Amino acid sequence: MGLVIGDKAPTFKIKNQNGDLIYAGEFIGNTPLVIYFYPKNFTPGCTAQACSFRDQYQDFVDAGAKVFGISSDSVESHQRFRKKYNLPFDTLSDKNNNVRRKYGVKSTLLGLLPGRETFVIDAKGIIQMRFNSMAAAKHIPKALQVVKGL
């Protein structure tokens, strides 16, 4: 079933693009978060989504939110992806899909493609938005609208 609006966001520990361990518990319950799960680095939709978050990143920061992108790609792939597209936020390597499972992000396309979902978590650690759509461009304005309303 997965998480729903009003649920407490689960914490997790995974590595970012530099191999540094990121403990989400440092942020969950302290600052608004946008966590977006995406299928794969360097694919057209995922690149467009990451670049859209990049282009509006300052709007998220101005609204007090921290952004994380999560896929099952390796730390090295995240490092190349982040560098190539000048992404200002951490991309996290969920190699075994443990965080994806914690958040209940389902696969799409007959289970062949990891799902694309965005969560907005408020400063109390409560999920305020869960948006599931393979249409990458729709995630950013929805997430920003919710963040600005927190």
C-alpha atoms as a PDB file:
ATOM      1  CA  MET A   1       0.000   0.000   0.000  1.00  0.00           C
ATOM      2  CA  GLY A   2       2.684   2.520   0.893  1.00  0.00           C
ATOM      3  CA  LEU A   3       2.620   5.817   2.658  1.00  0.00           C
ATOM      4  CA  VAL A   4      -0.230   8.294   2.527  1.00  0.00           C
ATOM      5  CA  ILE A   5      -0.591  11.979   3.299  1.00  0.00           C
ATOM      6  CA  GLY A   6      -0.502  12.436   7.068  1.00  0.00           C
ATOM      7  CA  ASP A   7       1.929   9.549   7.689  1.00  0.00           C
ATOM      8  CA  LYS A   8       5.246  10.111   9.441  1.00  0.00           C
ATOM      9  CA  ALA A   9       8.042   9.935   6.882  1.00  0.00           C
ATOM     10  CA  PRO A  10      10.437   7.036   7.409  1.00  0.00           C
ATOM     11  CA  THR A  11      14.091   7.828   7.980  1.00  0.00           C
ATOM     12  CA  PHE A  12      16.879   6.173   6.034  1.00  0.00           C
ATOM     13  CA  LYS A  13      20.636   6.109   5.566  1.00  0.00           C
ATOM     14  CA  ILE A  14      22.109   5.928   2.058  1.00  0.00           C
ATOM     15  CA  LYS A  15      25.078   7.337   0.196  1.00  0.00           C
ATOM     16  CA  ASN A  16      25.062  10.468  -1.913  1.00  0.00           C
ATOM     17  CA  GLN A  17      26.957  11.115  -5.129  1.00  0.00           C
ATOM     18  CA  ASN A  18      30.199  11.608  -3.180  1.00  0.00           C
ATOM     19  CA  GLY A  19      29.878   8.381  -1.215  1.00  0.00           C
ATOM     20  CA  ASP A  20      28.966  10.296   1.958  1.00  0.00           C
ATOM     21  CA  LEU A  21      26.340   8.626   4.140  1.00  0.00           C
ATOM     22  CA  ILE A  22      23.220  10.777   4.318  1.00  0.00           C
ATOM     23  CA  TYR A  23      21.012  10.192   7.352  1.00  0.00           C
ATOM     24  CA  ALA A  24      17.557  11.518   6.533  1.00  0.00           C
ATOM     25  CA  GLY A  25      16.714  11.577  10.240  1.00  0.00           C
ATOM     26  CA  GLU A  26      18.846  14.722  10.481  1.00  0.00           C
ATOM     27  CA  PHE A  27      16.318  16.477   8.236  1.00  0.00           C
ATOM     28  CA  ILE A  28      13.009  14.666   8.738  1.00  0.00           C
ATOM     29  CA  GLY A  29      11.221  16.504  11.527  1.00  0.00           C
ATOM     30  CA  ASN A  30      13.505  19.533  11.283  1.00  0.00           C
ATOM     31  CA  THR A  31      13.107  21.016   7.820  1.00  0.00           C
ATOM     32  CA  PRO A  32      10.740  20.638   4.882  1.00  0.00           C
ATOM     33  CA  LEU A  33      11.953  18.015   2.412  1.00  0.00           C
ATOM     34  CA  VAL A  34      11.237  17.161  -1.181  1.00  0.00           C
ATOM     35  CA  ILE A  35      12.250  13.590  -1.915  1.00  0.00           C
ATOM     36  CA  TYR A  36      11.786  12.450  -5.460  1.00  0.00           C
ATOM     37  CA  PHE A  37      12.291   8.909  -6.680  1.00  0.00           C
ATOM     38  CA  TYR A  38      13.147   8.450 -10.328  1.00  0.00           C
ATOM     39  CA  PRO A  39      13.938   5.466 -12.549  1.00  0.00           C
ATOM     40  CA  LYS A  40      17.444   6.016 -13.946  1.00  0.00           C
ATOM     41  CA  ASN A  41      20.189   8.596 -14.474  1.00  0.00           C
ATOM     42  CA  PHE A  42      20.806   9.912 -17.997  1.00  0.00           C
ATOM     43  CA  THR A  43      17.427   8.825 -19.418  1.00  0.00           C
ATOM     44  CA  PRO A  44      15.401  11.564 -21.138  1.00  0.00           C
ATOM     45  CA  GLY A  45      12.568  11.850 -18.591  1.00  0.00           C
ATOM     46  CA  CYS A  46      14.835  11.585 -15.561  1.00  0.00           C
ATOM     47  CA  THR A  47      17.275  14.126 -16.967  1.00  0.00           C
ATOM     48  CA  ALA A  48      14.422  16.532 -17.706  1.00  0.00           C
ATOM     49  CA  GLN A  49      13.063  16.083 -14.184  1.00  0.00           C
ATOM     50  CA  ALA A  50      16.448  16.595 -12.520  1.00  0.00           C
ATOM     51  CA  CYS A  51      17.136  19.681 -14.627  1.00  0.00           C
ATOM     52  CA  SER A  52      13.700  21.100 -13.785  1.00  0.00           C
ATOM     53  CA  PHE A  53      14.400  20.637 -10.086  1.00  0.00           C
ATOM     54  CA  ARG A  54      17.788  22.280 -10.723  1.00  0.00           C
ATOM     55  CA  ASP A  55      16.219  25.225 -12.540  1.00  0.00           C
ATOM     56  CA  GLN A  56      13.740  25.844  -9.718  1.00  0.00           C
ATOM     57  CA  TYR A  57      16.039  24.771  -6.909  1.00  0.00           C
ATOM     58  CA  GLN A  58      16.406  28.298  -5.535  1.00  0.00           C
ATOM     59  CA  ASP A  59      12.607  28.522  -5.220  1.00  0.00           C
ATOM     60  CA  PHE A  60      12.658  25.391  -3.037  1.00  0.00           C
ATOM     61  CA  VAL A  61      15.557  26.770  -0.971  1.00  0.00           C
ATOM     62  CA  ASP A  62      13.791  30.130  -0.591  1.00  0.00           C
ATOM     63  CA  ALA A  63      10.752  28.241   0.716  1.00  0.00           C
ATOM     64  CA  GLY A  64      13.010  26.512   3.262  1.00  0.00           C
ATOM     65  CA  ALA A  65      13.071  23.035   1.676  1.00  0.00           C
ATOM     66  CA  LYS A  66      15.868  20.580   1.028  1.00  0.00           C
ATOM     67  CA  VAL A  67      15.698  18.434  -2.134  1.00  0.00           C
ATOM     68  CA  PHE A  68      16.924  14.855  -2.599  1.00  0.00           C
ATOM     69  CA  GLY A  69      16.731  12.788  -5.775  1.00  0.00           C
ATOM     70  CA  ILE A  70      16.835   9.003  -5.293  1.00  0.00           C
ATOM     71  CA  SER A  71      17.378   6.169  -7.757  1.00  0.00           C
ATOM     72  CA  SER A  72      19.053   2.773  -7.671  1.00  0.00           C
ATOM     73  CA  ASP A  73      21.997   4.034  -9.724  1.00  0.00           C
ATOM     74  CA  SER A  74      25.488   3.679  -8.265  1.00  0.00           C
ATOM     75  CA  VAL A  75      27.307   6.420  -6.382  1.00  0.00           C
ATOM     76  CA  GLU A  76      29.611   6.803  -9.404  1.00  0.00           C
ATOM     77  CA  SER A  77      26.687   7.173 -11.802  1.00  0.00           C
ATOM     78  CA  HIS A  78      25.128   9.791  -9.512  1.00  0.00           C
ATOM     79  CA  GLN A  79      28.429  11.652  -9.409  1.00  0.00           C
ATOM     80  CA  ARG A  80      28.619  11.780 -13.225  1.00  0.00           C
ATOM     81  CA  PHE A  81      24.923  12.686 -13.542  1.00  0.00           C
ATOM     82  CA  ARG A  82      25.132  15.480 -10.985  1.00  0.00           C
ATOM     83  CA  LYS A  83      28.301  16.888 -12.517  1.00  0.00           C
ATOM     84  CA  LYS A  84      27.101  16.726 -16.133  1.00  0.00           C
ATOM     85  CA  TYR A  85      23.842  18.549 -15.369  1.00  0.00           C
ATOM     86  CA  ASN A  86      25.179  20.825 -12.608  1.00  0.00           C
ATOM     87  CA  LEU A  87      22.635  19.603 -10.064  1.00  0.00           C
ATOM     88  CA  PRO A  88      22.785  21.603  -6.810  1.00  0.00           C
ATOM     89  CA  PHE A  89      21.058  18.944  -4.671  1.00  0.00           C
ATOM     90  CA  ASP A  90      22.196  15.521  -3.492  1.00  0.00           C
ATOM     91  CA  THR A  91      21.392  12.488  -5.599  1.00  0.00           C
ATOM     92  CA  LEU A  92      21.191   9.378  -3.448  1.00  0.00           C
ATOM     93  CA  SER A  93      22.036   5.800  -4.343  1.00  0.00           C
ATOM     94  CA  ASP A  94      19.314   3.388  -3.232  1.00  0.00           C
ATOM     95  CA  LYS A  95      21.169   0.432  -4.736  1.00  0.00           C
ATOM     96  CA  ASN A  96      18.964  -2.284  -3.200  1.00  0.00           C
ATOM     97  CA  ASN A  97      15.740  -0.225  -3.392  1.00  0.00           C
ATOM     98  CA  ASN A  98      15.349  -0.327   0.391  1.00  0.00           C
ATOM     99  CA  VAL A  99      14.255   3.319   0.644  1.00  0.00           C
ATOM    100  CA  ARG A 100      11.969   2.909  -2.367  1.00  0.00           C
ATOM    101  CA  ARG A 101      10.273   0.009  -0.539  1.00  0.00           C
ATOM    102  CA  LYS A 102      10.031   1.981   2.740  1.00  0.00           C
ATOM    103  CA  TYR A 103       8.170   4.707   0.878  1.00  0.00           C
ATOM    104  CA  GLY A 104       6.035   2.220  -1.064  1.00  0.00           C
ATOM    105  CA  VAL A 105       7.139   3.432  -4.496  1.00  0.00           C
ATOM    106  CA  LYS A 106       5.894   0.841  -6.954  1.00  0.00           C
ATOM    107  CA  SER A 107       7.348  -0.131 -10.297  1.00  0.00           C
ATOM    108  CA  THR A 108       5.456   0.751 -13.462  1.00  0.00           C
ATOM    109  CA  LEU A 109       5.241  -0.630 -16.994  1.00  0.00           C
ATOM    110  CA  LEU A 110       4.358  -4.178 -15.866  1.00  0.00           C
ATOM    111  CA  GLY A 111       6.920  -3.966 -13.069  1.00  0.00           C
ATOM    112  CA  LEU A 112       9.815  -3.333 -15.438  1.00  0.00           C
ATOM    113  CA  LEU A 113      10.498   0.324 -14.690  1.00  0.00           C
ATOM    114  CA  PRO A 114      11.082   1.806 -11.225  1.00  0.00           C
ATOM    115  CA  GLY A 115       8.337   4.290 -10.404  1.00  0.00           C
ATOM    116  CA  ARG A 116       8.586   8.066 -10.413  1.00  0.00           C
ATOM    117  CA  GLU A 117       7.128   9.600  -7.246  1.00  0.00           C
ATOM    118  CA  THR A 118       7.663  12.808  -5.344  1.00  0.00           C
ATOM    119  CA  PHE A 119       7.049  13.299  -1.630  1.00  0.00           C
ATOM    120  CA  VAL A 120       6.859  16.592   0.239  1.00  0.00           C
ATOM    121  CA  ILE A 121       7.496  16.262   3.953  1.00  0.00           C
ATOM    122  CA  ASP A 122       6.842  19.147   6.320  1.00  0.00           C
ATOM    123  CA  ALA A 123       9.143  20.357   9.110  1.00  0.00           C
ATOM    124  CA  LYS A 124       7.377  18.027  11.569  1.00  0.00           C
ATOM    125  CA  GLY A 125       8.224  14.991   9.436  1.00  0.00           C
ATOM    126  CA  ILE A 126       4.695  14.455   8.125  1.00  0.00           C
ATOM    127  CA  ILE A 127       4.026  13.626   4.477  1.00  0.00           C
ATOM    128  CA  GLN A 128       2.047  16.471   2.923  1.00  0.00           C
ATOM    129  CA  MET A 129       2.168  15.323  -0.705  1.00  0.00           C
ATOM    130  CA  ARG A 130       2.660  12.087  -2.563  1.00  0.00           C
ATOM    131  CA  PHE A 131       2.584  12.440  -6.331  1.00  0.00           C
ATOM    132  CA  ASN A 132       2.956   9.527  -8.722  1.00  0.00           C
ATOM    133  CA  SER A 133       3.300  10.215 -12.426  1.00  0.00           C
ATOM    134  CA  MET A 134       5.688   9.105 -15.121  1.00  0.00           C
ATOM    135  CA  ALA A 135       5.228  12.611 -16.581  1.00  0.00           C
ATOM    136  CA  ALA A 136       8.417  14.101 -15.118  1.00  0.00           C
ATOM    137  CA  ALA A 137       7.533  17.753 -15.715  1.00  0.00           C
ATOM    138  CA  LYS A 138       4.424  17.605 -13.522  1.00  0.00           C
ATOM    139  CA  HIS A 139       6.327  16.863 -10.302  1.00  0.00           C
ATOM    140  CA  ILE A 140       8.155  20.161  -9.845  1.00  0.00           C
ATOM    141  CA  PRO A 141       5.232  22.651  -9.888  1.00  0.00           C
ATOM    142  CA  LYS A 142       3.120  20.402  -7.652  1.00  0.00           C
ATOM    143  CA  ALA A 143       5.919  19.967  -5.117  1.00  0.00           C
ATOM    144  CA  LEU A 144       6.767  23.678  -5.144  1.00  0.00           C
ATOM    145  CA  GLN A 145       3.142  24.657  -4.588  1.00  0.00           C
ATOM    146  CA  VAL A 146       2.934  22.382  -1.536  1.00  0.00           C
ATOM    147  CA  VAL A 147       6.301  23.545  -0.150  1.00  0.00           C
ATOM    148  CA  LYS A 148       5.291  27.175  -0.478  1.00  0.00           C
ATOM    149  CA  GLY A 149       2.085  26.409   1.439  1.00  0.00           C
ATOM    150  CA  LEU A 150       3.899  24.908   4.434  1.00  0.00           C
END
